[in-house]
Amino acid sequence: MTGQAAFTLRGRNPDVLTCIANLSNDEVFTPPELASRMLDRVAEAWAADHRGASLWADMNVRFLDPCTKSGVFLREITSRLTQGLARAIPDLPTRVNHILTHQVFGIGITQLTSLLARRSVYCSKNAKGEHSIATGFANDEGNIWFERTEHSWSKGKCTYCGAGQEALNRGEDLETHAYAFIHTDHINARIAEFFGASMQFDVIIGNPPYQLNDGGYGTSAAPIYQMFVEQAKALEPRYLSMIIPARWFAGGKGLDEFRESMLSDTRVRSIDDFLSASDVFPGVGLKGGVCYFLWDRDHPGLCDVSTHFKDWPVSTSKRPLMEKGADIFIRFNEGLSILRKVVSVESGKRASLELPEDQRFERLVSSRKPFALETTFKGKAKRRENDVLIYQNGGTGYIARKDVPAGTELIDKWKIYIGRAAPGTGNKDTYPHRILSTPFIGEPGSICSETYLCIGPFETETEAQSALSYLTCRLTRLLILLHKPSQDTTRKVYTFVPTQAWDRTWTDAELYAKYGISKSEIEFIEKVVRPMDLTTDLLGDVAVDESDDE
């Protein structure tokens, strides 16, 4: 082994992989510290399942990163195996060559990242290059495979990943972003093509690309990370761990089947949930946070759910991912306890999170176009006889009553208007925050465009004011947060909110007493939900993007 190769196996400071810029928010390089935490989780599971044995002392274990970018997972695995196999294979060059040729495998997502990964792992962009620390390869790729893959176009979209043909059907000098791991119907056969033999991987670990332009309106994009998870499961490794956006917990375009599959899979043994993506990916704007999970093929059971946010104490609970009566993952452990109390009081059910049909606040909330008017609709500036007031993006206007396309039964009722998209903080997740844009009373003789949802109807102004006070309560907005995956606040996010008697001004103190909320639970609520002032907050609300990402 050359002196240069020996140096690459030693710890070094600074680590170059902490210094490179991300390709985009959708192809994010994994920080070495995060890769190490994920590998620690896998090693702990291995030890628990193998009577305390070390994963890194087993010379037969195979690892695969199916979406390698910087090569950080493969490099960290190689480093750990190099130490762990010292007794089994005393000679260092022989040991390293065995690890790299028989145990560590990767699939590059682009030509550039495959070269970067080889440089990280083999210390050479070519596996059989002059400075490579591996001596057993007959080709330049080694066990880090990459080959240009093309999309399979049909009706303007890729049949495998859903990418838009107009955006990604590009020349040969540009990357296709047709990721080989998910562009096949027969992944086992494809793996044999990649690496020259059929093989079983013990550990699959990685950080997949998150989404691709799907050819929709504007910057519309469809998630693809779930395809990597599903394809990895199809290979039936002993352990699978990936870090992915957390929006699948409750929403996200095209994620319903994936969410149901994950939440009903008892082999998901742990989830580490980070409320802010910047806590693990510094400088990355990824609304909704991220999570990494551990899937254990041979040992199903309850899941260890851990919530991380900045300097908050880590909250961990062992529980099922799919709670009875819920169709989403309840993100906060403390929030689950609070929700159970609310449902128990309203329905008497302790084993289900489902509110009785006639007690669901969501029944009062309109669809995304309560009066069938687009968010771009602009009413007339001056009022004429038989016109109604319209609350629209950027202010108000007027429209003839006869021209209102739908929802006419609501025109002369009292109601509440609330923005479809909550005021954001850019791409950052900060707490406490308001959860909702500021609601306001809609008087009889008024309607709204798609910019707002309509809540009601109410027979009197007193009832509308009562419901308005309820929406300002922190507990109400926490229940909304539990079902809210993004900035968009559709009717569905009100699933866990019960109705009340609209005969008083509601306060958190009254709601806390009604549902038996404990002091520690109140402290949690006030840590994540900001107070809402109907006057100052309304003045501060601004129009935000209302793109439909559900």
Protein backbone atom coordinates (compact mmCIF):
# COMPACT_ATOMS: atom_id res chain seq x y z
CA MET A 1 0.00 0.00 0.00
CA THR A 2 1.36 3.43 -0.94
CA GLY A 3 1.97 6.17 1.59
CA GLN A 4 -0.84 8.20 0.03
CA ALA A 5 -3.30 5.34 0.33
CA ALA A 6 -2.34 4.78 3.97
CA PHE A 7 -2.99 8.46 4.72
CA THR A 8 -6.52 8.27 3.35
CA LEU A 9 -7.44 5.68 5.96
CA ARG A 10 -6.49 7.93 8.86
CA GLY A 11 -8.76 10.53 10.42
CA ARG A 12 -8.32 13.96 8.88
CA ASN A 13 -9.39 17.43 9.78
CA PRO A 14 -11.07 19.16 8.09
CA ASP A 15 -13.07 16.47 6.34
CA VAL A 16 -13.54 17.50 2.70
CA LEU A 17 -17.03 16.00 2.66
CA THR A 18 -18.18 18.61 5.17
CA CYS A 19 -17.13 21.39 2.80
CA ILE A 20 -18.78 20.58 -0.55
CA ALA A 21 -21.92 22.39 -1.69
CA ASN A 22 -25.19 20.57 -2.29
CA LEU A 23 -26.31 19.90 -5.85
CA SER A 24 -29.78 21.23 -4.95
CA ASN A 25 -32.39 20.89 -2.21
CA ASP A 26 -33.46 17.66 -3.93
CA GLU A 27 -30.01 16.08 -4.20
CA VAL A 28 -28.47 16.84 -0.83
CA PHE A 29 -25.02 15.67 0.21
CA THR A 30 -25.09 13.83 3.53
CA PRO A 31 -22.89 15.31 6.28
CA PRO A 32 -20.45 12.72 7.71
CA GLU A 33 -21.87 13.21 11.21
CA LEU A 34 -25.36 12.27 10.02
CA ALA A 35 -24.08 9.24 8.11
CA SER A 36 -22.30 8.14 11.28
CA ARG A 37 -25.50 8.48 13.37
CA MET A 38 -27.44 6.37 10.89
CA LEU A 39 -24.75 3.70 10.83
CA ASP A 40 -24.69 3.68 14.63
CA ARG A 41 -28.41 2.90 14.59
CA VAL A 42 -27.86 -0.02 12.19
CA ALA A 43 -24.95 -1.35 14.26
CA GLU A 44 -27.06 -1.22 17.43
CA ALA A 45 -29.80 -3.25 15.76
CA TRP A 46 -27.29 -5.78 14.47
CA ALA A 47 -25.81 -6.23 17.95
CA ALA A 48 -29.26 -6.66 19.49
CA ASP A 49 -30.14 -9.30 16.89
CA HIS A 50 -26.77 -11.12 17.07
CA ARG A 51 -26.14 -11.49 20.81
CA GLY A 52 -23.98 -8.40 21.03
CA ALA A 53 -21.76 -9.20 18.04
CA SER A 54 -20.20 -6.28 16.17
CA LEU A 55 -21.43 -5.59 12.68
CA TRP A 56 -17.98 -4.26 11.78
CA ALA A 57 -16.22 -7.51 12.72
CA ASP A 58 -18.14 -9.61 10.18
CA MET A 59 -16.22 -10.12 6.93
CA ASN A 60 -19.24 -11.48 5.07
CA VAL A 61 -21.69 -8.60 5.51
CA ARG A 62 -22.56 -6.70 2.31
CA PHE A 63 -23.55 -3.02 2.17
CA LEU A 64 -25.23 -1.07 -0.63
CA ASP A 65 -25.80 2.65 -1.09
CA PRO A 66 -28.20 2.71 -4.07
CA CYS A 67 -28.07 6.50 -4.48
CA THR A 68 -24.52 7.47 -3.62
CA LYS A 69 -23.45 11.07 -4.12
CA SER A 70 -20.36 12.00 -2.11
CA GLY A 71 -19.68 8.39 -1.09
CA VAL A 72 -19.89 9.32 2.58
CA PHE A 73 -21.84 6.22 3.67
CA LEU A 74 -19.49 3.88 1.82
CA ARG A 75 -16.44 5.69 3.16
CA GLU A 76 -17.67 5.52 6.77
CA ILE A 77 -18.57 1.84 6.37
CA THR A 78 -15.12 1.12 4.94
CA SER A 79 -13.45 2.95 7.82
CA ARG A 80 -15.41 0.99 10.44
CA LEU A 81 -14.82 -2.35 8.76
CA THR A 82 -11.11 -1.55 8.47
CA GLN A 83 -10.95 -1.29 12.26
CA GLY A 84 -13.41 -4.07 13.03
CA LEU A 85 -11.72 -6.71 10.84
CA ALA A 86 -8.18 -6.05 12.09
CA ARG A 87 -8.10 -9.32 14.02
CA ALA A 88 -9.71 -11.43 11.28
CA ILE A 89 -7.49 -9.99 8.51
CA PRO A 90 -4.32 -8.60 10.14
CA ASP A 91 -2.62 -7.39 6.95
CA LEU A 92 -3.98 -3.89 6.23
CA PRO A 93 -3.75 -3.89 2.40
CA THR A 94 -5.36 -7.34 2.23
CA ARG A 95 -8.07 -6.23 4.65
CA VAL A 96 -8.91 -3.05 2.73
CA ASN A 97 -8.93 -4.87 -0.59
CA HIS A 98 -11.33 -7.50 0.80
CA ILE A 99 -13.70 -4.83 2.15
CA LEU A 100 -13.79 -2.84 -1.08
CA THR A 101 -14.13 -5.79 -3.43
CA HIS A 102 -16.49 -7.99 -1.42
CA GLN A 103 -18.44 -5.87 1.08
CA VAL A 104 -19.03 -2.29 -0.08
CA PHE A 105 -21.20 -1.44 -3.10
CA GLY A 106 -22.73 1.75 -4.47
CA ILE A 107 -24.79 3.09 -7.37
CA GLY A 108 -23.99 6.65 -8.44
CA ILE A 109 -26.87 8.99 -9.23
CA THR A 110 -24.89 11.01 -11.80
CA GLN A 111 -21.57 10.74 -13.61
CA LEU A 112 -20.13 13.47 -11.36
CA THR A 113 -21.22 11.88 -8.09
CA SER A 114 -19.97 8.44 -9.13
CA LEU A 115 -16.50 9.94 -9.66
CA LEU A 116 -16.73 11.79 -6.35
CA ALA A 117 -17.83 8.64 -4.52
CA ARG A 118 -14.95 6.62 -5.97
CA ARG A 119 -12.55 9.35 -4.95
CA SER A 120 -13.96 9.23 -1.41
CA VAL A 121 -13.84 5.44 -1.13
CA TYR A 122 -11.00 4.27 -3.37
CA CYS A 123 -8.96 7.50 -3.08
CA SER A 124 -9.03 7.57 -6.87
CA LYS A 125 -11.74 8.42 -9.40
CA ASN A 126 -10.84 5.13 -11.08
CA ALA A 127 -11.05 1.99 -8.96
CA LYS A 128 -7.93 0.52 -10.60
CA GLY A 129 -6.11 3.83 -10.84
CA GLU A 130 -2.54 4.46 -9.72
CA HIS A 131 -3.55 5.82 -6.33
CA SER A 132 -6.47 3.47 -5.63
CA ILE A 133 -6.32 1.66 -2.29
CA ALA A 134 -8.09 -1.32 -3.91
CA THR A 135 -6.02 -3.79 -5.91
CA GLY A 136 -8.59 -6.38 -6.91
CA PHE A 137 -10.67 -4.58 -9.55
CA ALA A 138 -10.46 -5.26 -13.27
CA ASN A 139 -12.36 -2.12 -14.28
CA ASP A 140 -12.42 1.58 -13.45
CA GLU A 141 -15.89 1.50 -11.83
CA GLY A 142 -15.05 -1.03 -9.16
CA ASN A 143 -18.14 -1.62 -7.03
CA ILE A 144 -19.45 1.93 -7.46
CA TRP A 145 -21.54 1.61 -10.60
CA PHE A 146 -22.79 4.30 -12.91
CA GLU A 147 -24.08 4.22 -16.44
CA ARG A 148 -26.23 6.76 -18.22
CA THR A 149 -29.86 5.69 -18.01
CA GLU A 150 -32.69 7.08 -20.11
CA HIS A 151 -36.25 7.82 -19.07
CA SER A 152 -39.10 5.79 -20.53
CA TRP A 153 -41.42 8.44 -21.96
CA SER A 154 -45.14 7.99 -22.39
CA LYS A 155 -47.65 10.82 -22.76
CA GLY A 156 -45.10 13.40 -21.65
CA LYS A 157 -43.94 11.64 -18.46
CA CYS A 158 -41.53 8.89 -17.48
CA THR A 159 -43.38 5.67 -16.73
CA TYR A 160 -40.95 4.88 -13.91
CA CYS A 161 -40.35 8.11 -12.01
CA GLY A 162 -43.02 10.50 -13.38
CA ALA A 163 -40.47 13.09 -14.56
CA GLY A 164 -41.75 15.58 -17.14
CA GLN A 165 -40.48 14.94 -20.66
CA GLU A 166 -40.35 18.62 -21.53
CA ALA A 167 -38.05 19.36 -18.60
CA LEU A 168 -35.72 16.34 -18.68
CA ASN A 169 -35.65 15.05 -22.26
CA ARG A 170 -32.29 16.73 -22.83
CA GLY A 171 -29.17 16.30 -24.91
CA GLU A 172 -26.45 13.74 -24.28
CA ASP A 173 -24.19 16.38 -22.74
CA LEU A 174 -26.60 16.87 -19.79
CA GLU A 175 -27.59 14.51 -16.98
CA THR A 176 -30.90 12.73 -17.49
CA HIS A 177 -31.60 12.27 -13.75
CA ALA A 178 -33.05 8.89 -14.70
CA TYR A 179 -31.82 7.05 -11.62
CA ALA A 180 -30.97 3.46 -12.50
CA PHE A 181 -32.11 1.97 -9.19
CA ILE A 182 -35.75 2.97 -9.76
CA HIS A 183 -35.88 2.64 -13.57
CA THR A 184 -36.46 -1.08 -13.70
CA ASP A 185 -39.24 -3.58 -13.09
CA HIS A 186 -36.80 -6.32 -12.05
CA ILE A 187 -34.43 -4.92 -9.46
CA ASN A 188 -32.72 -8.22 -8.57
CA ALA A 189 -31.84 -8.88 -12.19
CA ARG A 190 -30.68 -5.28 -12.57
CA ILE A 191 -28.40 -5.59 -9.53
CA ALA A 192 -26.83 -8.66 -11.14
CA GLU A 193 -26.19 -6.55 -14.25
CA PHE A 194 -24.60 -3.78 -12.18
CA PHE A 195 -22.20 -5.95 -10.20
CA GLY A 196 -21.81 -9.04 -12.35
CA ALA A 197 -23.55 -11.46 -10.04
CA SER A 198 -26.77 -12.02 -8.11
CA MET A 199 -26.20 -11.03 -4.51
CA GLN A 200 -27.96 -10.49 -1.20
CA PHE A 201 -27.26 -7.26 0.68
CA ASP A 202 -27.37 -7.26 4.45
CA VAL A 203 -27.58 -3.47 4.80
CA ILE A 204 -28.97 -0.91 2.36
CA ILE A 205 -28.43 2.67 3.43
CA GLY A 206 -28.54 6.05 1.72
CA ASN A 207 -29.96 9.49 1.09
CA PRO A 208 -32.02 9.35 -2.13
CA PRO A 209 -32.91 12.24 -4.44
CA TYR A 210 -36.12 13.83 -3.19
CA GLN A 211 -38.15 14.98 -6.21
CA LEU A 212 -38.16 15.68 -9.94
CA ASN A 213 -39.94 18.20 -12.14
CA ASP A 214 -43.10 16.43 -13.29
CA GLY A 215 -44.09 18.83 -16.03
CA GLY A 216 -46.93 20.41 -14.06
CA TYR A 217 -47.69 24.09 -13.66
CA GLY A 218 -44.71 26.31 -12.83
CA THR A 219 -42.17 24.52 -10.66
CA SER A 220 -44.42 21.54 -9.97
CA ALA A 221 -42.42 18.53 -8.81
CA ALA A 222 -43.27 15.00 -7.75
CA PRO A 223 -41.55 13.15 -4.91
CA ILE A 224 -39.39 10.17 -5.91
CA TYR A 225 -37.66 9.24 -2.64
CA GLN A 226 -40.41 6.77 -1.83
CA MET A 227 -39.51 4.81 -4.98
CA PHE A 228 -35.99 4.23 -3.64
CA VAL A 229 -37.42 2.97 -0.34
CA GLU A 230 -39.84 0.60 -2.05
CA GLN A 231 -37.19 -0.70 -4.44
CA ALA A 232 -34.75 -1.27 -1.57
CA LYS A 233 -37.39 -3.24 0.33
CA ALA A 234 -37.85 -5.42 -2.76
CA LEU A 235 -34.21 -6.51 -2.40
CA GLU A 236 -35.07 -7.84 1.10
CA PRO A 237 -31.97 -6.70 2.99
CA ARG A 238 -31.67 -7.47 6.69
CA TYR A 239 -31.64 -3.74 7.45
CA LEU A 240 -32.69 -0.69 5.48
CA SER A 241 -32.04 2.89 6.56
CA MET A 242 -32.68 6.04 4.52
CA ILE A 243 -33.03 9.72 5.28
CA ILE A 244 -35.99 11.29 3.49
CA PRO A 245 -38.32 14.31 3.75
CA ALA A 246 -40.86 13.92 6.56
CA ARG A 247 -43.85 15.18 4.59
CA TRP A 248 -44.95 11.62 3.87
CA PHE A 249 -46.14 11.45 7.49
CA ALA A 250 -49.38 13.25 6.64
CA GLY A 251 -49.47 14.46 3.03
CA GLY A 252 -47.56 15.05 -0.17
CA LYS A 253 -48.43 14.51 -3.80
CA GLY A 254 -48.51 10.83 -4.78
CA LEU A 255 -47.52 9.57 -1.33
CA ASP A 256 -50.78 8.04 -0.07
CA GLU A 257 -49.87 4.43 -0.94
CA PHE A 258 -46.34 4.86 0.39
CA ARG A 259 -47.61 6.32 3.67
CA GLU A 260 -50.09 3.46 4.14
CA SER A 261 -47.39 0.90 3.35
CA MET A 262 -44.88 2.41 5.78
CA LEU A 263 -47.33 2.95 8.62
CA SER A 264 -48.65 -0.60 8.41
CA ASP A 265 -45.16 -2.14 8.17
CA THR A 266 -44.18 -3.35 11.64
CA ARG A 267 -40.61 -3.88 10.44
CA VAL A 268 -40.02 -0.11 10.69
CA ARG A 269 -38.34 -0.30 14.08
CA SER A 270 -37.21 3.29 14.59
CA ILE A 271 -37.80 6.77 13.19
CA ASP A 272 -35.65 9.76 14.06
CA ASP A 273 -37.72 12.81 13.16
CA PHE A 274 -36.07 16.22 12.74
CA LEU A 275 -38.58 19.07 12.74
CA SER A 276 -36.08 21.32 10.97
CA ALA A 277 -34.05 19.97 8.06
CA SER A 278 -31.32 22.53 8.77
CA ASP A 279 -30.53 20.69 12.00
CA VAL A 280 -29.00 17.87 9.95
CA PHE A 281 -28.44 19.56 6.57
CA PRO A 282 -26.99 22.99 7.43
CA GLY A 283 -28.14 25.66 5.02
CA VAL A 284 -30.73 23.47 3.30
CA GLY A 285 -34.27 24.82 2.98
CA LEU A 286 -36.61 21.84 3.13
CA LYS A 287 -40.01 22.68 4.58
CA GLY A 288 -41.52 20.05 6.85
CA GLY A 289 -38.30 18.56 8.18
CA VAL A 290 -36.64 15.21 7.50
CA CYS A 291 -36.47 11.79 9.10
CA TYR A 292 -34.36 8.69 8.92
CA PHE A 293 -35.75 5.27 9.69
CA LEU A 294 -34.48 1.78 10.38
CA TRP A 295 -36.31 -1.15 8.80
CA ASP A 296 -35.50 -4.56 10.32
CA ARG A 297 -36.60 -7.43 8.08
CA ASP A 298 -36.53 -10.22 10.64
CA HIS A 299 -37.70 -8.49 13.82
CA PRO A 300 -41.09 -6.76 13.55
CA GLY A 301 -42.50 -4.88 16.51
CA LEU A 302 -43.34 -1.45 17.83
CA CYS A 303 -41.38 1.56 16.58
CA ASP A 304 -39.07 3.81 18.61
CA VAL A 305 -40.10 7.33 17.59
CA SER A 306 -37.66 10.12 18.49
CA THR A 307 -38.33 13.82 17.85
CA HIS A 308 -35.38 16.21 17.47
CA PHE A 309 -35.44 19.99 17.32
CA LYS A 310 -32.46 22.25 18.05
CA ASP A 311 -31.77 22.29 21.79
CA TRP A 312 -35.07 20.73 22.87
CA PRO A 313 -34.74 17.48 24.86
CA VAL A 314 -35.17 14.52 22.52
CA SER A 315 -38.62 12.96 22.94
CA THR A 316 -38.71 9.18 22.44
CA SER A 317 -41.66 6.81 22.61
CA LYS A 318 -42.18 3.16 21.62
CA ARG A 319 -45.48 2.97 19.75
CA PRO A 320 -47.24 1.72 16.62
CA LEU A 321 -46.87 3.98 13.60
CA MET A 322 -50.49 3.52 12.60
CA GLU A 323 -52.83 4.53 15.39
CA LYS A 324 -56.38 3.21 15.22
CA GLY A 325 -58.70 5.81 13.73
CA ALA A 326 -55.88 7.79 12.05
CA ASP A 327 -54.69 7.61 8.47
CA ILE A 328 -51.45 9.51 9.08
CA PHE A 329 -48.43 9.35 11.37
CA ILE A 330 -48.85 11.46 14.51
CA ARG A 331 -45.59 13.35 14.54
CA PHE A 332 -45.24 14.56 18.12
CA ASN A 333 -45.22 12.00 20.95
CA GLU A 334 -46.67 14.62 23.31
CA GLY A 335 -49.22 15.57 20.66
CA LEU A 336 -50.46 12.00 20.51
CA SER A 337 -51.15 12.00 24.25
CA ILE A 338 -53.08 15.27 23.95
CA LEU A 339 -55.07 14.05 20.95
CA ARG A 340 -56.09 10.89 22.80
CA LYS A 341 -57.47 13.00 25.65
CA VAL A 342 -59.48 15.18 23.27
CA VAL A 343 -60.98 12.24 21.39
CA SER A 344 -61.72 10.39 24.62
CA VAL A 345 -63.73 13.32 26.00
CA GLU A 346 -65.62 13.86 22.74
CA SER A 347 -66.40 10.24 21.91
CA GLY A 348 -65.63 8.15 24.97
CA LYS A 349 -63.22 6.09 22.84
CA ARG A 350 -59.80 5.40 24.25
CA ALA A 351 -58.65 2.93 21.60
CA SER A 352 -59.33 5.08 18.54
CA LEU A 353 -58.40 8.57 17.37
CA GLU A 354 -61.50 8.90 15.20
CA LEU A 355 -63.96 11.63 16.15
CA PRO A 356 -67.68 10.97 15.69
CA GLU A 357 -68.91 12.19 12.30
CA ASP A 358 -71.18 14.87 13.72
CA GLN A 359 -68.43 16.30 15.94
CA ARG A 360 -65.84 17.00 13.26
CA PHE A 361 -64.94 20.62 12.66
CA GLU A 362 -63.79 19.72 9.15
CA ARG A 363 -67.47 19.43 8.14
CA LEU A 364 -67.64 23.23 8.43
CA VAL A 365 -64.57 23.79 6.23
CA SER A 366 -65.02 24.27 2.49
CA SER A 367 -63.12 22.67 -0.36
CA ARG A 368 -60.25 24.59 -1.97
CA LYS A 369 -62.61 26.64 -4.19
CA PRO A 370 -65.64 27.41 -2.03
CA PHE A 371 -67.22 29.62 -4.69
CA ALA A 372 -65.45 28.07 -7.71
CA LEU A 373 -63.33 31.17 -8.33
CA GLU A 374 -59.60 30.81 -9.04
CA THR A 375 -57.02 32.58 -6.90
CA THR A 376 -56.22 34.77 -9.94
CA PHE A 377 -59.78 36.08 -10.09
CA LYS A 378 -60.08 39.85 -9.66
CA GLY A 379 -63.42 41.47 -8.89
CA LYS A 380 -64.56 44.91 -10.04
CA ALA A 381 -63.24 47.92 -8.18
CA LYS A 382 -66.64 49.65 -7.84
CA ARG A 383 -69.80 48.17 -6.39
CA ARG A 384 -73.03 48.04 -8.38
CA GLU A 385 -76.53 47.00 -7.43
CA ASN A 386 -76.82 43.28 -6.67
CA ASP A 387 -73.04 42.91 -6.37
CA VAL A 388 -71.44 40.94 -3.55
CA LEU A 389 -68.11 41.63 -1.89
CA ILE A 390 -65.29 39.23 -2.75
CA TYR A 391 -62.21 38.72 -0.62
CA GLN A 392 -59.46 37.98 -3.12
CA ASN A 393 -55.71 37.76 -3.38
CA GLY A 394 -54.41 41.22 -2.61
CA GLY A 395 -57.57 42.78 -1.21
CA THR A 396 -61.27 42.97 -2.10
CA GLY A 397 -63.46 43.57 -5.11
CA TYR A 398 -67.04 43.07 -6.29
CA ILE A 399 -68.86 40.56 -8.44
CA ALA A 400 -72.47 40.34 -9.59
CA ARG A 401 -74.44 37.89 -7.46
CA LYS A 402 -75.67 36.11 -10.60
CA ASP A 403 -72.06 35.49 -11.70
CA VAL A 404 -71.04 33.56 -8.59
CA PRO A 405 -70.51 30.01 -9.98
CA ALA A 406 -71.02 27.96 -6.80
CA GLY A 407 -71.62 28.14 -3.05
CA THR A 408 -74.50 30.57 -3.45
CA GLU A 409 -76.20 29.13 -0.36
CA LEU A 410 -73.36 30.62 1.72
CA ILE A 411 -73.54 34.16 0.38
CA ASP A 412 -76.08 35.49 2.88
CA LYS A 413 -74.75 33.56 5.88
CA TRP A 414 -72.17 34.46 8.48
CA LYS A 415 -68.88 32.62 7.95
CA ILE A 416 -65.14 32.73 8.56
CA TYR A 417 -62.48 33.18 5.89
CA ILE A 418 -58.97 31.78 6.34
CA GLY A 419 -56.02 31.72 3.96
CA ARG A 420 -55.34 28.39 2.27
CA ALA A 421 -51.62 28.80 2.84
CA ALA A 422 -50.25 29.73 6.23
CA PRO A 423 -47.75 32.61 6.36
CA GLY A 424 -44.35 30.98 6.15
CA THR A 425 -40.82 31.67 7.28
CA GLY A 426 -39.17 31.01 3.94
CA ASN A 427 -37.86 27.46 3.83
CA LYS A 428 -37.19 27.31 7.56
CA ASP A 429 -39.22 25.50 10.18
CA THR A 430 -39.38 27.61 13.32
CA TYR A 431 -41.23 27.11 16.58
CA PRO A 432 -43.40 28.38 18.03
CA HIS A 433 -45.41 29.40 14.98
CA ARG A 434 -49.02 30.19 14.22
CA ILE A 435 -49.91 27.10 12.14
CA LEU A 436 -52.71 29.05 10.40
CA SER A 437 -53.05 32.35 8.63
CA THR A 438 -55.23 34.74 10.61
CA PRO A 439 -58.97 34.01 10.19
CA PHE A 440 -61.54 36.79 9.93
CA ILE A 441 -65.32 37.14 9.86
CA GLY A 442 -67.11 36.94 6.52
CA GLU A 443 -70.29 38.99 6.69
CA PRO A 444 -73.51 38.15 4.82
CA GLY A 445 -73.25 39.36 1.25
CA SER A 446 -69.63 38.31 0.84
CA ILE A 447 -67.70 35.49 -0.87
CA CYS A 448 -64.03 34.67 -1.47
CA SER A 449 -61.70 33.45 -4.19
CA GLU A 450 -59.53 30.32 -3.97
CA THR A 451 -57.05 32.33 -1.90
CA TYR A 452 -59.24 31.55 1.12
CA LEU A 453 -61.22 28.67 2.55
CA CYS A 454 -64.68 29.33 3.90
CA ILE A 455 -65.72 28.00 7.33
CA GLY A 456 -69.40 27.85 8.17
CA PRO A 457 -72.18 28.68 7.70
CA PHE A 458 -73.24 30.22 11.00
CA GLU A 459 -76.71 31.59 11.66
CA THR A 460 -75.58 34.57 13.73
CA GLU A 461 -72.58 36.82 14.12
CA THR A 462 -72.29 35.60 17.72
CA GLU A 463 -71.79 32.00 16.54
CA ALA A 464 -69.21 33.09 13.96
CA GLN A 465 -67.31 35.10 16.57
CA SER A 466 -67.33 32.09 18.91
CA ALA A 467 -65.86 29.83 16.22
CA LEU A 468 -63.33 32.53 15.40
CA SER A 469 -62.16 32.63 19.02
CA TYR A 470 -61.82 28.83 18.95
CA LEU A 471 -59.45 28.98 15.97
CA THR A 472 -57.19 31.38 17.83
CA CYS A 473 -56.69 28.92 20.70
CA ARG A 474 -53.34 27.21 20.83
CA LEU A 475 -54.84 23.79 21.53
CA THR A 476 -57.05 24.02 18.44
CA ARG A 477 -54.08 24.90 16.27
CA LEU A 478 -51.97 22.10 17.77
CA LEU A 479 -54.65 19.61 16.69
CA ILE A 480 -54.42 21.13 13.20
CA LEU A 481 -50.61 20.85 13.23
CA LEU A 482 -50.84 17.12 13.92
CA HIS A 483 -52.46 16.66 10.49
CA LYS A 484 -50.66 19.44 8.63
CA PRO A 485 -47.73 18.26 6.47
CA SER A 486 -46.93 21.54 4.73
CA GLN A 487 -47.76 25.22 4.38
CA ASP A 488 -51.06 24.30 2.71
CA THR A 489 -54.05 24.22 5.09
CA THR A 490 -56.76 22.30 3.27
CA ARG A 491 -59.95 20.96 4.84
CA LYS A 492 -58.15 17.72 5.66
CA VAL A 493 -55.87 19.32 8.28
CA TYR A 494 -58.92 19.89 10.52
CA THR A 495 -59.51 16.12 10.84
CA PHE A 496 -58.59 15.98 14.55
CA VAL A 497 -60.42 19.18 15.56
CA PRO A 498 -63.77 18.68 17.34
CA THR A 499 -66.64 21.14 17.10
CA GLN A 500 -67.76 23.09 20.14
CA ALA A 501 -70.87 24.91 21.29
CA TRP A 502 -70.75 28.29 19.52
CA ASP A 503 -72.19 30.21 22.45
CA ARG A 504 -69.12 31.73 24.12
CA THR A 505 -65.68 33.16 23.58
CA TRP A 506 -63.34 30.19 23.75
CA THR A 507 -60.00 30.37 25.57
CA ASP A 508 -57.17 27.91 26.00
CA ALA A 509 -57.77 27.85 29.75
CA GLU A 510 -61.30 26.60 29.15
CA LEU A 511 -60.16 24.00 26.61
CA TYR A 512 -57.32 22.79 28.84
CA ALA A 513 -59.79 22.26 31.66
CA LYS A 514 -62.35 20.52 29.43
CA TYR A 515 -59.85 17.97 28.11
CA GLY A 516 -57.72 17.53 31.24
CA ILE A 517 -54.52 18.80 29.64
CA SER A 518 -51.61 18.47 32.09
CA LYS A 519 -49.10 21.14 33.00
CA SER A 520 -46.32 19.46 31.01
CA GLU A 521 -48.65 19.13 28.01
CA ILE A 522 -49.53 22.83 28.25
CA GLU A 523 -45.82 23.64 28.27
CA PHE A 524 -45.39 21.55 25.12
CA ILE A 525 -48.31 23.26 23.37
CA GLU A 526 -46.95 26.69 24.19
CA LYS A 527 -43.52 25.64 22.93
CA VAL A 528 -44.77 24.79 19.45
CA VAL A 529 -47.81 27.07 18.93
CA ARG A 530 -47.53 30.84 18.98
CA PRO A 531 -50.30 33.05 20.41
CA MET A 532 -52.56 34.59 17.76
CA ASP A 533 -53.72 38.21 17.92
CA LEU A 534 -56.60 38.80 15.51
CA THR A 535 -55.69 42.41 14.87
CA THR A 536 -51.90 42.54 14.67
CA ASP A 537 -51.52 39.11 13.03
CA LEU A 538 -54.12 39.91 10.37
CA LEU A 539 -52.25 43.07 9.45
CA GLY A 540 -49.05 41.06 9.16
CA ASP A 541 -50.44 38.34 6.90
CA VAL A 542 -49.26 38.44 3.31
CA ALA A 543 -50.27 36.50 0.23
CA VAL A 544 -48.31 33.29 -0.14
CA ASP A 545 -48.00 30.60 -2.77
CA GLU A 546 -51.14 28.50 -2.97
CA SER A 547 -49.82 25.75 -5.23
CA ASP A 548 -51.62 22.49 -4.58
CA ASP A 549 -49.07 20.01 -3.32
CA GLU A 550 -51.47 17.58 -1.72
